[in-house]
Amino acid sequence: MIQSRVHVSDLREHVGRTVTVCGWVNALRLQRKMQFVIVRDSTGLVRVTRPRHLRGQRRNLLTRTST
């Protein structure tokens, strides 16, 4: 499946599809059972969640970050 890059404000149009959101990490919360990443772009915020037990798997929640 081809991934498309979308703005946070346009995510509702892409429900059920795999997309790439480019932005920066606004907040990161690592809880016992879940990971929460709040990603911000110029149009808004989106919360990305994932069960902690998946953190050792090859597919990472964040595929590329920069400082």
PDB file of N, CA and C in Angstrom:
ATOM      1  N   MET A   1       0.836  -1.171   0.000  1.00  0.00           N
ATOM      2  CA  MET A   1       0.000   0.000   0.000  1.00  0.00           C
ATOM      3  C   MET A   1       0.890   1.248   0.000  1.00  0.00           C
ATOM      4  N   ILE A   2       0.575   2.192  -0.809  1.00  0.00           N
ATOM      5  CA  ILE A   2       1.328   3.437  -0.896  1.00  0.00           C
ATOM      6  C   ILE A   2       0.888   4.355   0.239  1.00  0.00           C
ATOM      7  N   GLN A   3       1.858   4.881   0.962  1.00  0.00           N
ATOM      8  CA  GLN A   3       1.546   5.814   2.034  1.00  0.00           C
ATOM      9  C   GLN A   3       1.526   7.226   1.486  1.00  0.00           C
ATOM     10  N   SER A   4       0.538   7.995   1.916  1.00  0.00           N
ATOM     11  CA  SER A   4       0.463   9.382   1.498  1.00  0.00           C
ATOM     12  C   SER A   4       0.736  10.279   2.698  1.00  0.00           C
ATOM     13  N   ARG A   5       1.335  11.410   2.463  1.00  0.00           N
ATOM     14  CA  ARG A   5       1.635  12.365   3.526  1.00  0.00           C
ATOM     15  C   ARG A   5       0.474  13.348   3.616  1.00  0.00           C
ATOM     16  N   VAL A   6      -0.077  13.492   4.808  1.00  0.00           N
ATOM     17  CA  VAL A   6      -1.221  14.376   5.004  1.00  0.00           C
ATOM     18  C   VAL A   6      -0.997  15.286   6.200  1.00  0.00           C
ATOM     19  N   HIS A   7      -1.732  16.394   6.220  1.00  0.00           N
ATOM     20  CA  HIS A   7      -1.726  17.292   7.370  1.00  0.00           C
ATOM     21  C   HIS A   7      -2.674  16.737   8.430  1.00  0.00           C
ATOM     22  N   VAL A   8      -2.419  17.084   9.676  1.00  0.00           N
ATOM     23  CA  VAL A   8      -3.270  16.635  10.773  1.00  0.00           C
ATOM     24  C   VAL A   8      -4.726  17.019  10.530  1.00  0.00           C
ATOM     25  N   SER A   9      -4.972  18.204  10.035  1.00  0.00           N
ATOM     26  CA  SER A   9      -6.347  18.659   9.812  1.00  0.00           C
ATOM     27  C   SER A   9      -7.087  17.841   8.752  1.00  0.00           C
ATOM     28  N   ASP A  10      -6.362  17.093   7.930  1.00  0.00           N
ATOM     29  CA  ASP A  10      -6.981  16.294   6.865  1.00  0.00           C
ATOM     30  C   ASP A  10      -7.101  14.812   7.209  1.00  0.00           C
ATOM     31  N   LEU A  11      -6.753  14.409   8.416  1.00  0.00           N
ATOM     32  CA  LEU A  11      -6.749  12.993   8.773  1.00  0.00           C
ATOM     33  C   LEU A  11      -8.129  12.340   8.698  1.00  0.00           C
ATOM     34  N   ARG A  12      -9.176  13.064   8.974  1.00  0.00           N
ATOM     35  CA  ARG A  12     -10.524  12.477   8.925  1.00  0.00           C
ATOM     36  C   ARG A  12     -10.880  11.958   7.539  1.00  0.00           C
ATOM     37  N   GLU A  13     -10.277  12.500   6.523  1.00  0.00           N
ATOM     38  CA  GLU A  13     -10.536  12.057   5.155  1.00  0.00           C
ATOM     39  C   GLU A  13      -9.802  10.757   4.828  1.00  0.00           C
ATOM     40  N   HIS A  14      -8.918  10.294   5.720  1.00  0.00           N
ATOM     41  CA  HIS A  14      -8.074   9.134   5.451  1.00  0.00           C
ATOM     42  C   HIS A  14      -8.260   8.015   6.469  1.00  0.00           C
ATOM     43  N   VAL A  15      -9.424   7.939   7.104  1.00  0.00           N
ATOM     44  CA  VAL A  15      -9.693   6.901   8.098  1.00  0.00           C
ATOM     45  C   VAL A  15      -9.585   5.533   7.434  1.00  0.00           C
ATOM     46  N   GLY A  16      -8.859   4.630   8.075  1.00  0.00           N
ATOM     47  CA  GLY A  16      -8.686   3.275   7.557  1.00  0.00           C
ATOM     48  C   GLY A  16      -7.516   3.113   6.615  1.00  0.00           C
ATOM     49  N   ARG A  17      -6.828   4.177   6.296  1.00  0.00           N
ATOM     50  CA  ARG A  17      -5.668   4.128   5.394  1.00  0.00           C
ATOM     51  C   ARG A  17      -4.380   4.350   6.179  1.00  0.00           C
ATOM     52  N   THR A  18      -3.286   3.911   5.604  1.00  0.00           N
ATOM     53  CA  THR A  18      -1.973   4.177   6.177  1.00  0.00           C
ATOM     54  C   THR A  18      -1.459   5.480   5.595  1.00  0.00           C
ATOM     55  N   VAL A  19      -1.111   6.410   6.468  1.00  0.00           N
ATOM     56  CA  VAL A  19      -0.621   7.713   6.036  1.00  0.00           C
ATOM     57  C   VAL A  19       0.630   8.074   6.823  1.00  0.00           C
ATOM     58  N   THR A  20       1.336   9.074   6.359  1.00  0.00           N
ATOM     59  CA  THR A  20       2.490   9.625   7.049  1.00  0.00           C
ATOM     60  C   THR A  20       2.157  11.051   7.454  1.00  0.00           C
ATOM     61  N   VAL A  21       2.327  11.339   8.743  1.00  0.00           N
ATOM     62  CA  VAL A  21       2.135  12.695   9.252  1.00  0.00           C
ATOM     63  C   VAL A  21       3.515  13.250   9.566  1.00  0.00           C
ATOM     64  N   CYS A  22       3.867  14.346   8.940  1.00  0.00           N
ATOM     65  CA  CYS A  22       5.156  14.991   9.194  1.00  0.00           C
ATOM     66  C   CYS A  22       4.931  16.155  10.137  1.00  0.00           C
ATOM     67  N   GLY A  23       5.669  16.157  11.210  1.00  0.00           N
ATOM     68  CA  GLY A  23       5.538  17.212  12.198  1.00  0.00           C
ATOM     69  C   GLY A  23       6.587  17.011  13.267  1.00  0.00           C
ATOM     70  N   TRP A  24       6.312  17.520  14.446  1.00  0.00           N
ATOM     71  CA  TRP A  24       7.247  17.343  15.544  1.00  0.00           C
ATOM     72  C   TRP A  24       6.500  16.770  16.735  1.00  0.00           C
ATOM     73  N   VAL A  25       7.264  16.123  17.628  1.00  0.00           N
ATOM     74  CA  VAL A  25       6.681  15.532  18.825  1.00  0.00           C
ATOM     75  C   VAL A  25       6.400  16.660  19.805  1.00  0.00           C
ATOM     76  N   ASN A  26       5.144  16.852  20.111  1.00  0.00           N
ATOM     77  CA  ASN A  26       4.724  17.876  21.056  1.00  0.00           C
ATOM     78  C   ASN A  26       4.791  17.336  22.488  1.00  0.00           C
ATOM     79  N   ALA A  27       4.469  16.057  22.649  1.00  0.00           N
ATOM     80  CA  ALA A  27       4.512  15.417  23.968  1.00  0.00           C
ATOM     81  C   ALA A  27       4.685  13.917  23.784  1.00  0.00           C
ATOM     82  N   LEU A  28       5.338  13.291  24.737  1.00  0.00           N
ATOM     83  CA  LEU A  28       5.565  11.848  24.717  1.00  0.00           C
ATOM     84  C   LEU A  28       5.269  11.318  26.102  1.00  0.00           C
ATOM     85  N   ARG A  29       4.370  10.333  26.187  1.00  0.00           N
ATOM     86  CA  ARG A  29       4.050   9.701  27.467  1.00  0.00           C
ATOM     87  C   ARG A  29       4.228   8.210  27.322  1.00  0.00           C
ATOM     88  N   LEU A  30       5.074   7.641  28.118  1.00  0.00           N
ATOM     89  CA  LEU A  30       5.303   6.203  28.123  1.00  0.00           C
ATOM     90  C   LEU A  30       4.705   5.655  29.408  1.00  0.00           C
ATOM     91  N   GLN A  31       3.549   5.032  29.295  1.00  0.00           N
ATOM     92  CA  GLN A  31       2.889   4.464  30.457  1.00  0.00           C
ATOM     93  C   GLN A  31       3.119   2.968  30.491  1.00  0.00           C
ATOM     94  N   ARG A  32       2.656   2.341  31.539  1.00  0.00           N
ATOM     95  CA  ARG A  32       2.920   0.924  31.748  1.00  0.00           C
ATOM     96  C   ARG A  32       2.475   0.053  30.563  1.00  0.00           C
ATOM     97  N   LYS A  33       1.280   0.290  30.037  1.00  0.00           N
ATOM     98  CA  LYS A  33       0.762  -0.571  28.972  1.00  0.00           C
ATOM     99  C   LYS A  33       0.659   0.107  27.616  1.00  0.00           C
ATOM    100  N   MET A  34       0.774   1.420  27.563  1.00  0.00           N
ATOM    101  CA  MET A  34       0.594   2.142  26.303  1.00  0.00           C
ATOM    102  C   MET A  34       1.667   3.211  26.129  1.00  0.00           C
ATOM    103  N   GLN A  35       1.922   3.536  24.872  1.00  0.00           N
ATOM    104  CA  GLN A  35       2.764   4.671  24.512  1.00  0.00           C
ATOM    105  C   GLN A  35       1.859   5.697  23.837  1.00  0.00           C
ATOM    106  N   PHE A  36       2.016   6.958  24.227  1.00  0.00           N
ATOM    107  CA  PHE A  36       1.235   8.042  23.633  1.00  0.00           C
ATOM    108  C   PHE A  36       2.207   9.076  23.084  1.00  0.00           C
ATOM    109  N   VAL A  37       2.055   9.410  21.820  1.00  0.00           N
ATOM    110  CA  VAL A  37       2.872  10.446  21.197  1.00  0.00           C
ATOM    111  C   VAL A  37       1.909  11.482  20.616  1.00  0.00           C
ATOM    112  N   ILE A  38       2.061  12.725  21.039  1.00  0.00           N
ATOM    113  CA  ILE A  38       1.266  13.824  20.490  1.00  0.00           C
ATOM    114  C   ILE A  38       2.126  14.478  19.417  1.00  0.00           C
ATOM    115  N   VAL A  39       1.676  14.403  18.167  1.00  0.00           N
ATOM    116  CA  VAL A  39       2.406  14.955  17.027  1.00  0.00           C
ATOM    117  C   VAL A  39       1.716  16.236  16.585  1.00  0.00           C
ATOM    118  N   ARG A  40       2.497  17.271  16.355  1.00  0.00           N
ATOM    119  CA  ARG A  40       1.969  18.574  15.934  1.00  0.00           C
ATOM    120  C   ARG A  40       2.521  18.917  14.556  1.00  0.00           C
ATOM    121  N   ASP A  41       1.668  19.455  13.719  1.00  0.00           N
ATOM    122  CA  ASP A  41       2.129  20.092  12.477  1.00  0.00           C
ATOM    123  C   ASP A  41       1.516  21.485  12.435  1.00  0.00           C
ATOM    124  N   SER A  42       1.641  22.164  11.331  1.00  0.00           N
ATOM    125  CA  SER A  42       1.155  23.547  11.252  1.00  0.00           C
ATOM    126  C   SER A  42      -0.369  23.655  11.304  1.00  0.00           C
ATOM    127  N   THR A  43      -1.082  22.511  11.192  1.00  0.00           N
ATOM    128  CA  THR A  43      -2.541  22.548  11.161  1.00  0.00           C
ATOM    129  C   THR A  43      -3.201  22.012  12.416  1.00  0.00           C
ATOM    130  N   GLY A  44      -2.428  21.396  13.321  1.00  0.00           N
ATOM    131  CA  GLY A  44      -3.053  20.881  14.542  1.00  0.00           C
ATOM    132  C   GLY A  44      -2.251  19.794  15.215  1.00  0.00           C
ATOM    133  N   LEU A  45      -2.940  19.039  16.094  1.00  0.00           N
ATOM    134  CA  LEU A  45      -2.342  17.977  16.896  1.00  0.00           C
ATOM    135  C   LEU A  45      -3.050  16.660  16.629  1.00  0.00           C
ATOM    136  N   VAL A  46      -2.301  15.558  16.751  1.00  0.00           N
ATOM    137  CA  VAL A  46      -2.905  14.226  16.688  1.00  0.00           C
ATOM    138  C   VAL A  46      -2.195  13.345  17.720  1.00  0.00           C
ATOM    139  N   ARG A  47      -2.973  12.494  18.384  1.00  0.00           N
ATOM    140  CA  ARG A  47      -2.398  11.563  19.353  1.00  0.00           C
ATOM    141  C   ARG A  47      -2.243  10.197  18.698  1.00  0.00           C
ATOM    142  N   VAL A  48      -1.049   9.671  18.767  1.00  0.00           N
ATOM    143  CA  VAL A  48      -0.741   8.342  18.250  1.00  0.00           C
ATOM    144  C   VAL A  48      -0.552   7.435  19.455  1.00  0.00           C
ATOM    145  N   THR A  49      -1.220   6.269  19.455  1.00  0.00           N
ATOM    146  CA  THR A  49      -1.098   5.338  20.577  1.00  0.00           C
ATOM    147  C   THR A  49      -0.655   3.975  20.083  1.00  0.00           C
ATOM    148  N   ARG A  50      -0.011   3.250  21.004  1.00  0.00           N
ATOM    149  CA  ARG A  50       0.433   1.896  20.678  1.00  0.00           C
ATOM    150  C   ARG A  50       0.663   1.131  21.974  1.00  0.00           C
ATOM    151  N   PRO A  51       0.272  -0.143  22.019  1.00  0.00           N
ATOM    152  CA  PRO A  51       0.562  -0.954  23.197  1.00  0.00           C
ATOM    153  C   PRO A  51       2.075  -1.070  23.423  1.00  0.00           C
ATOM    154  N   ARG A  52       2.524  -0.992  24.664  1.00  0.00           N
ATOM    155  CA  ARG A  52       3.945  -1.054  24.990  1.00  0.00           C
ATOM    156  C   ARG A  52       4.573  -2.388  24.590  1.00  0.00           C
ATOM    157  N   HIS A  53       3.813  -3.477  24.617  1.00  0.00           N
ATOM    158  CA  HIS A  53       4.399  -4.780  24.316  1.00  0.00           C
ATOM    159  C   HIS A  53       4.884  -4.873  22.866  1.00  0.00           C
ATOM    160  N   LEU A  54       4.514  -3.939  22.004  1.00  0.00           N
ATOM    161  CA  LEU A  54       4.969  -3.934  20.616  1.00  0.00           C
ATOM    162  C   LEU A  54       6.279  -3.181  20.433  1.00  0.00           C
ATOM    163  N   ARG A  55       6.806  -2.548  21.490  1.00  0.00           N
ATOM    164  CA  ARG A  55       7.963  -1.675  21.322  1.00  0.00           C
ATOM    165  C   ARG A  55       9.215  -2.391  20.842  1.00  0.00           C
ATOM    166  N   GLY A  56       9.365  -3.687  21.089  1.00  0.00           N
ATOM    167  CA  GLY A  56      10.539  -4.416  20.647  1.00  0.00           C
ATOM    168  C   GLY A  56      10.432  -4.929  19.214  1.00  0.00           C
ATOM    169  N   GLN A  57       9.284  -4.788  18.610  1.00  0.00           N
ATOM    170  CA  GLN A  57       9.104  -5.289  17.255  1.00  0.00           C
ATOM    171  C   GLN A  57       9.760  -4.366  16.240  1.00  0.00           C
ATOM    172  N   ARG A  58       9.982  -4.901  15.071  1.00  0.00           N
ATOM    173  CA  ARG A  58      10.697  -4.192  14.014  1.00  0.00           C
ATOM    174  C   ARG A  58      10.012  -2.898  13.591  1.00  0.00           C
ATOM    175  N   ARG A  59       8.718  -2.905  13.510  1.00  0.00           N
ATOM    176  CA  ARG A  59       7.984  -1.712  13.077  1.00  0.00           C
ATOM    177  C   ARG A  59       7.871  -0.731  14.237  1.00  0.00           C
ATOM    178  N   ASN A  60       8.562   0.376  14.155  1.00  0.00           N
ATOM    179  CA  ASN A  60       8.575   1.375  15.217  1.00  0.00           C
ATOM    180  C   ASN A  60       7.443   2.367  15.052  1.00  0.00           C
ATOM    181  N   LEU A  61       6.997   2.898  16.174  1.00  0.00           N
ATOM    182  CA  LEU A  61       5.963   3.926  16.157  1.00  0.00           C
ATOM    183  C   LEU A  61       6.481   5.175  15.448  1.00  0.00           C
ATOM    184  N   LEU A  62       7.693   5.566  15.778  1.00  0.00           N
ATOM    185  CA  LEU A  62       8.325   6.688  15.119  1.00  0.00           C
ATOM    186  C   LEU A  62       9.393   6.136  14.178  1.00  0.00           C
ATOM    187  N   THR A  63       9.224   6.327  12.914  1.00  0.00           N
ATOM    188  CA  THR A  63      10.169   5.759  11.965  1.00  0.00           C
ATOM    189  C   THR A  63      11.372   6.652  11.709  1.00  0.00           C
ATOM    190  N   ARG A  64      11.207   7.951  11.922  1.00  0.00           N
ATOM    191  CA  ARG A  64      12.342   8.858  11.715  1.00  0.00           C
ATOM    192  C   ARG A  64      12.141  10.100  12.564  1.00  0.00           C
ATOM    193  N   THR A  65      13.151  10.444  13.299  1.00  0.00           N
ATOM    194  CA  THR A  65      13.085  11.656  14.101  1.00  0.00           C
ATOM    195  C   THR A  65      14.360  12.453  13.873  1.00  0.00           C
ATOM    196  N   SER A  66      14.298  13.717  14.137  1.00  0.00           N
ATOM    197  CA  SER A  66      15.486  14.561  14.073  1.00  0.00           C
ATOM    198  C   SER A  66      15.450  15.524  15.240  1.00  0.00           C
ATOM    199  N   THR A  67      16.589  16.078  15.568  1.00  0.00           N
ATOM    200  CA  THR A  67      16.640  17.000  16.706  1.00  0.00           C
ATOM    201  C   THR A  67      16.924  18.401  16.235  1.00  0.00           C
TER     202      THR A  67
END
